[in-house]
Amino acid sequence: MRLVYLLFGSFSLLLGLAGVFLPLLPTVPFVILAAFCFARGHPPLEAWLLRHPAFGPHISAWRKRGAIGRKAKRAALAAFALSAALGLLLLPMPLSLTPAAAALVGGRWVWIRPE
């Protein structure tokens, strides 16, 4: 089972790193998921993530309070709005309402998280 957590954590970390370069792919949620997996599959990698200057504070805030920072909230809400707008412009009805509905549900959840 440790190998499964290690593989899933590595894949999640790769997705998070891709999110640094791809504007609509989130980074921090994948890094938080990687830390969760590494805690069960490879604790030294979890410790490395917790000490990382960019990711460590986000992981700690999430674990302690379920918190999302203000800057991250703004970025997530902007990405939700952009994907909803693109869906409304580029997809046929009623399929175009799917990204808007997902943005409303996801955006509300992000909005109500503590900072």
PDB file of N, CA and C in Angstrom:
ATOM      1  N   MET A   1       0.829  -1.201   0.000  1.00  0.00           N
ATOM      2  CA  MET A   1       0.000   0.000   0.000  1.00  0.00           C
ATOM      3  C   MET A   1       0.874   1.266   0.000  1.00  0.00           C
ATOM      4  N   ARG A   2       2.042   1.159   0.656  1.00  0.00           N
ATOM      5  CA  ARG A   2       2.950   2.313   0.689  1.00  0.00           C
ATOM      6  C   ARG A   2       3.370   2.713  -0.718  1.00  0.00           C
ATOM      7  N   LEU A   3       3.571   1.713  -1.583  1.00  0.00           N
ATOM      8  CA  LEU A   3       3.972   2.001  -2.951  1.00  0.00           C
ATOM      9  C   LEU A   3       2.867   2.750  -3.701  1.00  0.00           C
ATOM     10  N   VAL A   4       1.614   2.382  -3.458  1.00  0.00           N
ATOM     11  CA  VAL A   4       0.491   3.065  -4.097  1.00  0.00           C
ATOM     12  C   VAL A   4       0.454   4.533  -3.660  1.00  0.00           C
ATOM     13  N   TYR A   5       0.620   4.781  -2.358  1.00  0.00           N
ATOM     14  CA  TYR A   5       0.647   6.165  -1.870  1.00  0.00           C
ATOM     15  C   TYR A   5       1.824   6.937  -2.453  1.00  0.00           C
ATOM     16  N   LEU A   6       2.968   6.285  -2.550  1.00  0.00           N
ATOM     17  CA  LEU A   6       4.147   6.940  -3.119  1.00  0.00           C
ATOM     18  C   LEU A   6       3.924   7.296  -4.580  1.00  0.00           C
ATOM     19  N   LEU A   7       3.366   6.371  -5.347  1.00  0.00           N
ATOM     20  CA  LEU A   7       3.100   6.638  -6.763  1.00  0.00           C
ATOM     21  C   LEU A   7       2.045   7.734  -6.939  1.00  0.00           C
ATOM     22  N   PHE A   8       0.968   7.646  -6.162  1.00  0.00           N
ATOM     23  CA  PHE A   8      -0.086   8.647  -6.277  1.00  0.00           C
ATOM     24  C   PHE A   8       0.415  10.017  -5.831  1.00  0.00           C
ATOM     25  N   GLY A   9       1.227  10.053  -4.776  1.00  0.00           N
ATOM     26  CA  GLY A   9       1.820  11.307  -4.320  1.00  0.00           C
ATOM     27  C   GLY A   9       2.746  11.900  -5.367  1.00  0.00           C
ATOM     28  N   SER A  10       3.533  11.059  -6.007  1.00  0.00           N
ATOM     29  CA  SER A  10       4.447  11.541  -7.055  1.00  0.00           C
ATOM     30  C   SER A  10       3.662  12.097  -8.241  1.00  0.00           C
ATOM     31  N   PHE A  11       2.611  11.395  -8.644  1.00  0.00           N
ATOM     32  CA  PHE A  11       1.780  11.867  -9.751  1.00  0.00           C
ATOM     33  C   PHE A  11       1.117  13.198  -9.390  1.00  0.00           C
ATOM     34  N   SER A  12       0.627  13.299  -8.172  1.00  0.00           N
ATOM     35  CA  SER A  12      -0.013  14.530  -7.718  1.00  0.00           C
ATOM     36  C   SER A  12       0.983  15.688  -7.695  1.00  0.00           C
ATOM     37  N   LEU A  13       2.191  15.409  -7.238  1.00  0.00           N
ATOM     38  CA  LEU A  13       3.219  16.450  -7.211  1.00  0.00           C
ATOM     39  C   LEU A  13       3.581  16.897  -8.627  1.00  0.00           C
ATOM     40  N   LEU A  14       3.640  15.966  -9.560  1.00  0.00           N
ATOM     41  CA  LEU A  14       3.901  16.329 -10.957  1.00  0.00           C
ATOM     42  C   LEU A  14       2.787  17.208 -11.523  1.00  0.00           C
ATOM     43  N   LEU A  15       1.547  16.875 -11.198  1.00  0.00           N
ATOM     44  CA  LEU A  15       0.432  17.723 -11.638  1.00  0.00           C
ATOM     45  C   LEU A  15       0.530  19.116 -11.020  1.00  0.00           C
ATOM     46  N   GLY A  16       0.902  19.170  -9.751  1.00  0.00           N
ATOM     47  CA  GLY A  16       1.074  20.464  -9.092  1.00  0.00           C
ATOM     48  C   GLY A  16       2.178  21.279  -9.738  1.00  0.00           C
ATOM     49  N   LEU A  17       3.275  20.636 -10.087  1.00  0.00           N
ATOM     50  CA  LEU A  17       4.366  21.350 -10.749  1.00  0.00           C
ATOM     51  C   LEU A  17       3.961  21.813 -12.143  1.00  0.00           C
ATOM     52  N   ALA A  18       3.156  21.022 -12.835  1.00  0.00           N
ATOM     53  CA  ALA A  18       2.649  21.450 -14.139  1.00  0.00           C
ATOM     54  C   ALA A  18       1.759  22.680 -13.976  1.00  0.00           C
ATOM     55  N   GLY A  19       1.053  22.753 -12.848  1.00  0.00           N
ATOM     56  CA  GLY A  19       0.183  23.895 -12.584  1.00  0.00           C
ATOM     57  C   GLY A  19       0.937  25.208 -12.443  1.00  0.00           C
ATOM     58  N   VAL A  20       2.223  25.131 -12.149  1.00  0.00           N
ATOM     59  CA  VAL A  20       3.032  26.348 -12.083  1.00  0.00           C
ATOM     60  C   VAL A  20       3.100  27.001 -13.465  1.00  0.00           C
ATOM     61  N   PHE A  21       3.094  26.167 -14.509  1.00  0.00           N
ATOM     62  CA  PHE A  21       3.268  26.666 -15.873  1.00  0.00           C
ATOM     63  C   PHE A  21       1.967  26.747 -16.666  1.00  0.00           C
ATOM     64  N   LEU A  22       0.959  25.988 -16.264  1.00  0.00           N
ATOM     65  CA  LEU A  22      -0.328  25.989 -16.970  1.00  0.00           C
ATOM     66  C   LEU A  22      -1.334  26.805 -16.169  1.00  0.00           C
ATOM     67  N   PRO A  23      -1.853  27.879 -16.739  1.00  0.00           N
ATOM     68  CA  PRO A  23      -2.636  28.827 -15.949  1.00  0.00           C
ATOM     69  C   PRO A  23      -3.918  28.296 -15.319  1.00  0.00           C
ATOM     70  N   LEU A  24      -4.600  27.338 -15.924  1.00  0.00           N
ATOM     71  CA  LEU A  24      -5.866  26.879 -15.350  1.00  0.00           C
ATOM     72  C   LEU A  24      -5.724  25.633 -14.487  1.00  0.00           C
ATOM     73  N   LEU A  25      -4.521  25.082 -14.392  1.00  0.00           N
ATOM     74  CA  LEU A  25      -4.299  23.904 -13.561  1.00  0.00           C
ATOM     75  C   LEU A  25      -3.813  24.365 -12.183  1.00  0.00           C
ATOM     76  N   PRO A  26      -4.538  24.016 -11.113  1.00  0.00           N
ATOM     77  CA  PRO A  26      -4.128  24.491  -9.784  1.00  0.00           C
ATOM     78  C   PRO A  26      -2.856  23.797  -9.312  1.00  0.00           C
ATOM     79  N   THR A  27      -2.085  24.499  -8.523  1.00  0.00           N
ATOM     80  CA  THR A  27      -0.838  23.945  -7.994  1.00  0.00           C
ATOM     81  C   THR A  27      -1.013  23.453  -6.562  1.00  0.00           C
ATOM     82  N   VAL A  28      -1.459  24.327  -5.687  1.00  0.00           N
ATOM     83  CA  VAL A  28      -1.473  24.028  -4.247  1.00  0.00           C
ATOM     84  C   VAL A  28      -2.344  22.821  -3.899  1.00  0.00           C
ATOM     85  N   PRO A  29      -3.553  22.649  -4.464  1.00  0.00           N
ATOM     86  CA  PRO A  29      -4.330  21.457  -4.081  1.00  0.00           C
ATOM     87  C   PRO A  29      -3.608  20.144  -4.399  1.00  0.00           C
ATOM     88  N   PHE A  30      -2.898  20.102  -5.522  1.00  0.00           N
ATOM     89  CA  PHE A  30      -2.167  18.886  -5.860  1.00  0.00           C
ATOM     90  C   PHE A  30      -0.973  18.673  -4.929  1.00  0.00           C
ATOM     91  N   VAL A  31      -0.336  19.748  -4.504  1.00  0.00           N
ATOM     92  CA  VAL A  31       0.790  19.619  -3.574  1.00  0.00           C
ATOM     93  C   VAL A  31       0.285  19.176  -2.192  1.00  0.00           C
ATOM     94  N   ILE A  32      -0.868  19.687  -1.773  1.00  0.00           N
ATOM     95  CA  ILE A  32      -1.463  19.244  -0.503  1.00  0.00           C
ATOM     96  C   ILE A  32      -1.808  17.760  -0.571  1.00  0.00           C
ATOM     97  N   LEU A  33      -2.374  17.334  -1.703  1.00  0.00           N
ATOM     98  CA  LEU A  33      -2.679  15.915  -1.888  1.00  0.00           C
ATOM     99  C   LEU A  33      -1.397  15.086  -1.893  1.00  0.00           C
ATOM    100  N   ALA A  34      -0.346  15.582  -2.512  1.00  0.00           N
ATOM    101  CA  ALA A  34       0.935  14.874  -2.518  1.00  0.00           C
ATOM    102  C   ALA A  34       1.459  14.716  -1.094  1.00  0.00           C
ATOM    103  N   ALA A  35       1.360  15.768  -0.285  1.00  0.00           N
ATOM    104  CA  ALA A  35       1.820  15.681   1.108  1.00  0.00           C
ATOM    105  C   ALA A  35       1.025  14.619   1.873  1.00  0.00           C
ATOM    106  N   PHE A  36      -0.280  14.579   1.644  1.00  0.00           N
ATOM    107  CA  PHE A  36      -1.132  13.568   2.280  1.00  0.00           C
ATOM    108  C   PHE A  36      -0.649  12.168   1.902  1.00  0.00           C
ATOM    109  N   CYS A  37      -0.406  11.948   0.619  1.00  0.00           N
ATOM    110  CA  CYS A  37       0.031  10.628   0.156  1.00  0.00           C
ATOM    111  C   CYS A  37       1.432  10.292   0.667  1.00  0.00           C
ATOM    112  N   PHE A  38       2.329  11.264   0.624  1.00  0.00           N
ATOM    113  CA  PHE A  38       3.686  11.011   1.091  1.00  0.00           C
ATOM    114  C   PHE A  38       3.725  10.727   2.598  1.00  0.00           C
ATOM    115  N   ALA A  39       2.804  11.293   3.358  1.00  0.00           N
ATOM    116  CA  ALA A  39       2.750  11.021   4.796  1.00  0.00           C
ATOM    117  C   ALA A  39       2.510   9.533   5.044  1.00  0.00           C
ATOM    118  N   ARG A  40       1.827   8.882   4.133  1.00  0.00           N
ATOM    119  CA  ARG A  40       1.523   7.460   4.278  1.00  0.00           C
ATOM    120  C   ARG A  40       2.475   6.563   3.484  1.00  0.00           C
ATOM    121  N   GLY A  41       3.107   7.129   2.436  1.00  0.00           N
ATOM    122  CA  GLY A  41       3.945   6.306   1.582  1.00  0.00           C
ATOM    123  C   GLY A  41       5.437   6.562   1.697  1.00  0.00           C
ATOM    124  N   HIS A  42       5.825   7.789   2.014  1.00  0.00           N
ATOM    125  CA  HIS A  42       7.252   8.123   2.107  1.00  0.00           C
ATOM    126  C   HIS A  42       7.411   9.383   2.957  1.00  0.00           C
ATOM    127  N   PRO A  43       7.435   9.251   4.291  1.00  0.00           N
ATOM    128  CA  PRO A  43       7.503  10.407   5.189  1.00  0.00           C
ATOM    129  C   PRO A  43       8.636  11.397   4.917  1.00  0.00           C
ATOM    130  N   PRO A  44       9.816  10.973   4.444  1.00  0.00           N
ATOM    131  CA  PRO A  44      10.840  11.982   4.139  1.00  0.00           C
ATOM    132  C   PRO A  44      10.411  12.964   3.039  1.00  0.00           C
ATOM    133  N   LEU A  45       9.648  12.502   2.060  1.00  0.00           N
ATOM    134  CA  LEU A  45       9.148  13.416   1.033  1.00  0.00           C
ATOM    135  C   LEU A  45       8.096  14.367   1.610  1.00  0.00           C
ATOM    136  N   GLU A  46       7.271  13.865   2.523  1.00  0.00           N
ATOM    137  CA  GLU A  46       6.313  14.744   3.190  1.00  0.00           C
ATOM    138  C   GLU A  46       7.052  15.832   3.971  1.00  0.00           C
ATOM    139  N   ALA A  47       8.103  15.434   4.694  1.00  0.00           N
ATOM    140  CA  ALA A  47       8.882  16.407   5.467  1.00  0.00           C
ATOM    141  C   ALA A  47       9.515  17.449   4.550  1.00  0.00           C
ATOM    142  N   TRP A  48       9.990  17.015   3.395  1.00  0.00           N
ATOM    143  CA  TRP A  48      10.568  17.958   2.430  1.00  0.00           C
ATOM    144  C   TRP A  48       9.520  18.973   1.968  1.00  0.00           C
ATOM    145  N   LEU A  49       8.306  18.493   1.666  1.00  0.00           N
ATOM    146  CA  LEU A  49       7.240  19.414   1.244  1.00  0.00           C
ATOM    147  C   LEU A  49       6.882  20.389   2.360  1.00  0.00           C
ATOM    148  N   LEU A  50       6.829  19.903   3.591  1.00  0.00           N
ATOM    149  CA  LEU A  50       6.481  20.775   4.713  1.00  0.00           C
ATOM    150  C   LEU A  50       7.549  21.845   4.958  1.00  0.00           C
ATOM    151  N   ARG A  51       8.789  21.538   4.652  1.00  0.00           N
ATOM    152  CA  ARG A  51       9.874  22.517   4.807  1.00  0.00           C
ATOM    153  C   ARG A  51      10.027  23.431   3.595  1.00  0.00           C
ATOM    154  N   HIS A  52       9.383  23.089   2.489  1.00  0.00           N
ATOM    155  CA  HIS A  52       9.534  23.871   1.266  1.00  0.00           C
ATOM    156  C   HIS A  52       9.009  25.292   1.489  1.00  0.00           C
ATOM    157  N   PRO A  53       9.787  26.319   1.101  1.00  0.00           N
ATOM    158  CA  PRO A  53       9.355  27.698   1.390  1.00  0.00           C
ATOM    159  C   PRO A  53       8.077  28.123   0.667  1.00  0.00           C
ATOM    160  N   ALA A  54       7.813  27.584  -0.505  1.00  0.00           N
ATOM    161  CA  ALA A  54       6.608  27.984  -1.241  1.00  0.00           C
ATOM    162  C   ALA A  54       5.394  27.143  -0.860  1.00  0.00           C
ATOM    163  N   PHE A  55       5.584  25.854  -0.646  1.00  0.00           N
ATOM    164  CA  PHE A  55       4.448  24.961  -0.422  1.00  0.00           C
ATOM    165  C   PHE A  55       4.167  24.674   1.044  1.00  0.00           C
ATOM    166  N   GLY A  56       5.191  24.676   1.872  1.00  0.00           N
ATOM    167  CA  GLY A  56       5.038  24.326   3.282  1.00  0.00           C
ATOM    168  C   GLY A  56       3.972  25.122   4.020  1.00  0.00           C
ATOM    169  N   PRO A  57       3.970  26.467   3.893  1.00  0.00           N
ATOM    170  CA  PRO A  57       2.940  27.242   4.604  1.00  0.00           C
ATOM    171  C   PRO A  57       1.514  26.920   4.159  1.00  0.00           C
ATOM    172  N   HIS A  58       1.321  26.644   2.869  1.00  0.00           N
ATOM    173  CA  HIS A  58      -0.021  26.301   2.385  1.00  0.00           C
ATOM    174  C   HIS A  58      -0.479  24.959   2.946  1.00  0.00           C
ATOM    175  N   ILE A  59       0.433  23.998   2.975  1.00  0.00           N
ATOM    176  CA  ILE A  59       0.089  22.677   3.506  1.00  0.00           C
ATOM    177  C   ILE A  59      -0.241  22.780   4.993  1.00  0.00           C
ATOM    178  N   SER A  60       0.573  23.502   5.738  1.00  0.00           N
ATOM    179  CA  SER A  60       0.335  23.655   7.183  1.00  0.00           C
ATOM    180  C   SER A  60      -0.983  24.365   7.466  1.00  0.00           C
ATOM    181  N   ALA A  61      -1.273  25.426   6.721  1.00  0.00           N
ATOM    182  CA  ALA A  61      -2.535  26.163   6.924  1.00  0.00           C
ATOM    183  C   ALA A  61      -3.731  25.273   6.623  1.00  0.00           C
ATOM    184  N   TRP A  62      -3.619  24.472   5.583  1.00  0.00           N
ATOM    185  CA  TRP A  62      -4.727  23.579   5.240  1.00  0.00           C
ATOM    186  C   TRP A  62      -4.924  22.526   6.330  1.00  0.00           C
ATOM    187  N   ARG A  63      -3.833  21.961   6.815  1.00  0.00           N
ATOM    188  CA  ARG A  63      -3.939  20.914   7.834  1.00  0.00           C
ATOM    189  C   ARG A  63      -4.452  21.450   9.161  1.00  0.00           C
ATOM    190  N   LYS A  64      -4.056  22.649   9.532  1.00  0.00           N
ATOM    191  CA  LYS A  64      -4.447  23.199  10.832  1.00  0.00           C
ATOM    192  C   LYS A  64      -5.871  23.752  10.832  1.00  0.00           C
ATOM    193  N   ARG A  65      -6.236  24.492   9.771  1.00  0.00           N
ATOM    194  CA  ARG A  65      -7.507  25.208   9.791  1.00  0.00           C
ATOM    195  C   ARG A  65      -8.378  24.996   8.556  1.00  0.00           C
ATOM    196  N   GLY A  66      -7.926  24.182   7.612  1.00  0.00           N
ATOM    197  CA  GLY A  66      -8.663  24.050   6.357  1.00  0.00           C
ATOM    198  C   GLY A  66      -8.660  25.365   5.605  1.00  0.00           C
ATOM    199  N   ALA A  67      -7.577  26.130   5.761  1.00  0.00           N
ATOM    200  CA  ALA A  67      -7.527  27.501   5.248  1.00  0.00           C
ATOM    201  C   ALA A  67      -6.916  27.573   3.855  1.00  0.00           C
ATOM    202  N   ILE A  68      -7.411  28.535   3.094  1.00  0.00           N
ATOM    203  CA  ILE A  68      -6.872  28.875   1.783  1.00  0.00           C
ATOM    204  C   ILE A  68      -6.517  30.351   1.842  1.00  0.00           C
ATOM    205  N   GLY A  69      -5.303  30.697   1.477  1.00  0.00           N
ATOM    206  CA  GLY A  69      -4.857  32.092   1.517  1.00  0.00           C
ATOM    207  C   GLY A  69      -5.639  32.986   0.572  1.00  0.00           C
ATOM    208  N   ARG A  70      -5.660  34.264   0.877  1.00  0.00           N
ATOM    209  CA  ARG A  70      -6.413  35.235   0.079  1.00  0.00           C
ATOM    210  C   ARG A  70      -5.949  35.263  -1.378  1.00  0.00           C
ATOM    211  N   LYS A  71      -4.645  35.242  -1.589  1.00  0.00           N
ATOM    212  CA  LYS A  71      -4.113  35.263  -2.955  1.00  0.00           C
ATOM    213  C   LYS A  71      -4.531  34.008  -3.728  1.00  0.00           C
ATOM    214  N   ALA A  72      -4.476  32.861  -3.064  1.00  0.00           N
ATOM    215  CA  ALA A  72      -4.888  31.610  -3.699  1.00  0.00           C
ATOM    216  C   ALA A  72      -6.384  31.610  -3.994  1.00  0.00           C
ATOM    217  N   LYS A  73      -7.168  32.182  -3.087  1.00  0.00           N
ATOM    218  CA  LYS A  73      -8.610  32.283  -3.334  1.00  0.00           C
ATOM    219  C   LYS A  73      -8.888  33.129  -4.567  1.00  0.00           C
ATOM    220  N   ARG A  74      -8.213  34.271  -4.659  1.00  0.00           N
ATOM    221  CA  ARG A  74      -8.415  35.137  -5.831  1.00  0.00           C
ATOM    222  C   ARG A  74      -8.046  34.414  -7.118  1.00  0.00           C
ATOM    223  N   ALA A  75      -6.927  33.711  -7.101  1.00  0.00           N
ATOM    224  CA  ALA A  75      -6.497  32.982  -8.296  1.00  0.00           C
ATOM    225  C   ALA A  75      -7.503  31.894  -8.667  1.00  0.00           C
ATOM    226  N   ALA A  76      -7.989  31.163  -7.674  1.00  0.00           N
ATOM    227  CA  ALA A  76      -8.958  30.101  -7.944  1.00  0.00           C
ATOM    228  C   ALA A  76     -10.262  30.674  -8.480  1.00  0.00           C
ATOM    229  N   LEU A  77     -10.740  31.746  -7.878  1.00  0.00           N
ATOM    230  CA  LEU A  77     -11.995  32.342  -8.341  1.00  0.00           C
ATOM    231  C   LEU A  77     -11.850  32.928  -9.745  1.00  0.00           C
ATOM    232  N   ALA A  78     -10.694  33.501 -10.041  1.00  0.00           N
ATOM    233  CA  ALA A  78     -10.457  34.021 -11.397  1.00  0.00           C
ATOM    234  C   ALA A  78     -10.440  32.875 -12.408  1.00  0.00           C
ATOM    235  N   ALA A  79      -9.810  31.762 -12.049  1.00  0.00           N
ATOM    236  CA  ALA A  79      -9.778  30.605 -12.948  1.00  0.00           C
ATOM    237  C   ALA A  79     -11.179  30.039 -13.151  1.00  0.00           C
ATOM    238  N   PHE A  80     -11.976  29.976 -12.077  1.00  0.00           N
ATOM    239  CA  PHE A  80     -13.363  29.523 -12.208  1.00  0.00           C
ATOM    240  C   PHE A  80     -14.143  30.442 -13.140  1.00  0.00           C
ATOM    241  N   ALA A  81     -13.990  31.729 -12.965  1.00  0.00           N
ATOM    242  CA  ALA A  81     -14.725  32.689 -13.799  1.00  0.00           C
ATOM    243  C   ALA A  81     -14.305  32.573 -15.263  1.00  0.00           C
ATOM    244  N   LEU A  82     -13.012  32.436 -15.506  1.00  0.00           N
ATOM    245  CA  LEU A  82     -12.527  32.307 -16.879  1.00  0.00           C
ATOM    246  C   LEU A  82     -13.055  31.041 -17.530  1.00  0.00           C
ATOM    247  N   SER A  83     -13.007  29.893 -16.798  1.00  0.00           N
ATOM    248  CA  SER A  83     -13.514  28.667 -17.410  1.00  0.00           C
ATOM    249  C   SER A  83     -15.015  28.719 -17.635  1.00  0.00           C
ATOM    250  N   ALA A  84     -15.752  29.357 -16.739  1.00  0.00           N
ATOM    251  CA  ALA A  84     -17.195  29.489 -16.940  1.00  0.00           C
ATOM    252  C   ALA A  84     -17.479  30.358 -18.166  1.00  0.00           C
ATOM    253  N   ALA A  85     -16.761  31.450 -18.299  1.00  0.00           N
ATOM    254  CA  ALA A  85     -16.964  32.333 -19.452  1.00  0.00           C
ATOM    255  C   ALA A  85     -16.602  31.622 -20.760  1.00  0.00           C
ATOM    256  N   LEU A  86     -15.494  30.899 -20.766  1.00  0.00           N
ATOM    257  CA  LEU A  86     -15.109  30.164 -21.977  1.00  0.00           C
ATOM    258  C   LEU A  86     -16.139  29.099 -22.323  1.00  0.00           C
ATOM    259  N   GLY A  87     -16.642  28.415 -21.301  1.00  0.00           N
ATOM    260  CA  GLY A  87     -17.682  27.417 -21.544  1.00  0.00           C
ATOM    261  C   GLY A  87     -18.931  28.031 -22.142  1.00  0.00           C
ATOM    262  N   LEU A  88     -19.335  29.179 -21.616  1.00  0.00           N
ATOM    263  CA  LEU A  88     -20.530  29.846 -22.139  1.00  0.00           C
ATOM    264  C   LEU A  88     -20.325  30.322 -23.576  1.00  0.00           C
ATOM    265  N   LEU A  89     -19.105  30.723 -23.909  1.00  0.00           N
ATOM    266  CA  LEU A  89     -18.819  31.226 -25.254  1.00  0.00           C
ATOM    267  C   LEU A  89     -18.586  30.122 -26.278  1.00  0.00           C
ATOM    268  N   LEU A  90     -17.964  29.033 -25.872  1.00  0.00           N
ATOM    269  CA  LEU A  90     -17.486  28.057 -26.844  1.00  0.00           C
ATOM    270  C   LEU A  90     -18.290  26.764 -26.934  1.00  0.00           C
ATOM    271  N   LEU A  91     -19.077  26.461 -25.929  1.00  0.00           N
ATOM    272  CA  LEU A  91     -19.817  25.203 -25.928  1.00  0.00           C
ATOM    273  C   LEU A  91     -21.274  25.438 -26.306  1.00  0.00           C
ATOM    274  N   PRO A  92     -21.899  24.431 -26.924  1.00  0.00           N
ATOM    275  CA  PRO A  92     -23.320  24.570 -27.262  1.00  0.00           C
ATOM    276  C   PRO A  92     -24.187  24.415 -26.016  1.00  0.00           C
ATOM    277  N   MET A  93     -25.371  25.018 -26.064  1.00  0.00           N
ATOM    278  CA  MET A  93     -26.329  24.880 -24.972  1.00  0.00           C
ATOM    279  C   MET A  93     -26.862  23.464 -24.972  1.00  0.00           C
ATOM    280  N   PRO A  94     -27.189  22.835 -23.921  1.00  0.00           N
ATOM    281  CA  PRO A  94     -27.072  23.213 -22.525  1.00  0.00           C
ATOM    282  C   PRO A  94     -25.712  22.840 -21.927  1.00  0.00           C
ATOM    283  N   LEU A  95     -24.829  22.232 -22.749  1.00  0.00           N
ATOM    284  CA  LEU A  95     -23.512  21.826 -22.255  1.00  0.00           C
ATOM    285  C   LEU A  95     -22.714  23.012 -21.735  1.00  0.00           C
ATOM    286  N   SER A  96     -22.965  24.195 -22.276  1.00  0.00           N
ATOM    287  CA  SER A  96     -22.213  25.379 -21.857  1.00  0.00           C
ATOM    288  C   SER A  96     -22.504  25.784 -20.414  1.00  0.00           C
ATOM    289  N   LEU A  97     -23.585  25.277 -19.852  1.00  0.00           N
ATOM    290  CA  LEU A  97     -23.918  25.609 -18.463  1.00  0.00           C
ATOM    291  C   LEU A  97     -23.131  24.774 -17.456  1.00  0.00           C
ATOM    292  N   THR A  98     -22.529  23.680 -17.908  1.00  0.00           N
ATOM    293  CA  THR A  98     -21.785  22.803 -16.995  1.00  0.00           C
ATOM    294  C   THR A  98     -20.597  23.513 -16.345  1.00  0.00           C
ATOM    295  N   PRO A  99     -19.714  24.189 -17.120  1.00  0.00           N
ATOM    296  CA  PRO A  99     -18.609  24.896 -16.450  1.00  0.00           C
ATOM    297  C   PRO A  99     -19.101  26.000 -15.512  1.00  0.00           C
ATOM    298  N   ALA A 100     -20.181  26.673 -15.876  1.00  0.00           N
ATOM    299  CA  ALA A 100     -20.715  27.727 -15.012  1.00  0.00           C
ATOM    300  C   ALA A 100     -21.223  27.133 -13.703  1.00  0.00           C
ATOM    301  N   ALA A 101     -21.921  26.002 -13.784  1.00  0.00           N
ATOM    302  CA  ALA A 101     -22.417  25.354 -12.562  1.00  0.00           C
ATOM    303  C   ALA A 101     -21.253  24.877 -11.694  1.00  0.00           C
ATOM    304  N   ALA A 102     -20.245  24.280 -12.320  1.00  0.00           N
ATOM    305  CA  ALA A 102     -19.073  23.827 -11.563  1.00  0.00           C
ATOM    306  C   ALA A 102     -18.356  25.015 -10.921  1.00  0.00           C
ATOM    307  N   ALA A 103     -18.271  26.129 -11.638  1.00  0.00           N
ATOM    308  CA  ALA A 103     -17.618  27.324 -11.098  1.00  0.00           C
ATOM    309  C   ALA A 103     -18.395  27.870  -9.904  1.00  0.00           C
ATOM    310  N   LEU A 104     -19.715  27.844  -9.974  1.00  0.00           N
ATOM    311  CA  LEU A 104     -20.515  28.333  -8.845  1.00  0.00           C
ATOM    312  C   LEU A 104     -20.336  27.452  -7.612  1.00  0.00           C
ATOM    313  N   VAL A 105     -20.378  26.150  -7.808  1.00  0.00           N
ATOM    314  CA  VAL A 105     -20.233  25.231  -6.672  1.00  0.00           C
ATOM    315  C   VAL A 105     -18.813  25.310  -6.110  1.00  0.00           C
ATOM    316  N   GLY A 106     -17.810  25.171  -6.986  1.00  0.00           N
ATOM    317  CA  GLY A 106     -16.421  25.215  -6.532  1.00  0.00           C
ATOM    318  C   GLY A 106     -16.041  26.568  -5.968  1.00  0.00           C
ATOM    319  N   GLY A 107     -16.496  27.628  -6.621  1.00  0.00           N
ATOM    320  CA  GLY A 107     -16.185  28.978  -6.159  1.00  0.00           C
ATOM    321  C   GLY A 107     -16.781  29.270  -4.798  1.00  0.00           C
ATOM    322  N   ARG A 108     -17.987  28.815  -4.572  1.00  0.00           N
ATOM    323  CA  ARG A 108     -18.608  29.017  -3.264  1.00  0.00           C
ATOM    324  C   ARG A 108     -17.812  28.296  -2.177  1.00  0.00           C
ATOM    325  N   TRP A 109     -17.398  27.059  -2.472  1.00  0.00           N
ATOM    326  CA  TRP A 109     -16.635  26.296  -1.494  1.00  0.00           C
ATOM    327  C   TRP A 109     -15.318  26.999  -1.166  1.00  0.00           C
ATOM    328  N   VAL A 110     -14.624  27.490  -2.190  1.00  0.00           N
ATOM    329  CA  VAL A 110     -13.358  28.215  -1.973  1.00  0.00           C
ATOM    330  C   VAL A 110     -13.619  29.485  -1.167  1.00  0.00           C
ATOM    331  N   TRP A 111     -14.656  30.202  -1.506  1.00  0.00           N
ATOM    332  CA  TRP A 111     -14.977  31.474  -0.855  1.00  0.00           C
ATOM    333  C   TRP A 111     -15.216  31.319   0.643  1.00  0.00           C
ATOM    334  N   ILE A 112     -15.868  30.226   1.061  1.00  0.00           N
ATOM    335  CA  ILE A 112     -16.229  30.075   2.477  1.00  0.00           C
ATOM    336  C   ILE A 112     -15.113  29.462   3.324  1.00  0.00           C
ATOM    337  N   ARG A 113     -14.009  29.040   2.708  1.00  0.00           N
ATOM    338  CA  ARG A 113     -12.880  28.520   3.482  1.00  0.00           C
ATOM    339  C   ARG A 113     -12.242  29.652   4.275  1.00  0.00           C
ATOM    340  N   PRO A 114     -11.751  29.364   5.474  1.00  0.00           N
ATOM    341  CA  PRO A 114     -11.049  30.402   6.236  1.00  0.00           C
ATOM    342  C   PRO A 114      -9.743  30.795   5.549  1.00  0.00           C
ATOM    343  N   GLU A 115      -9.254  32.001   5.901  1.00  0.00           N
ATOM    344  CA  GLU A 115      -7.991  32.482   5.319  1.00  0.00           C
ATOM    345  C   GLU A 115      -6.860  32.316   6.314  1.00  0.00           C
TER     346      GLU A 115
END
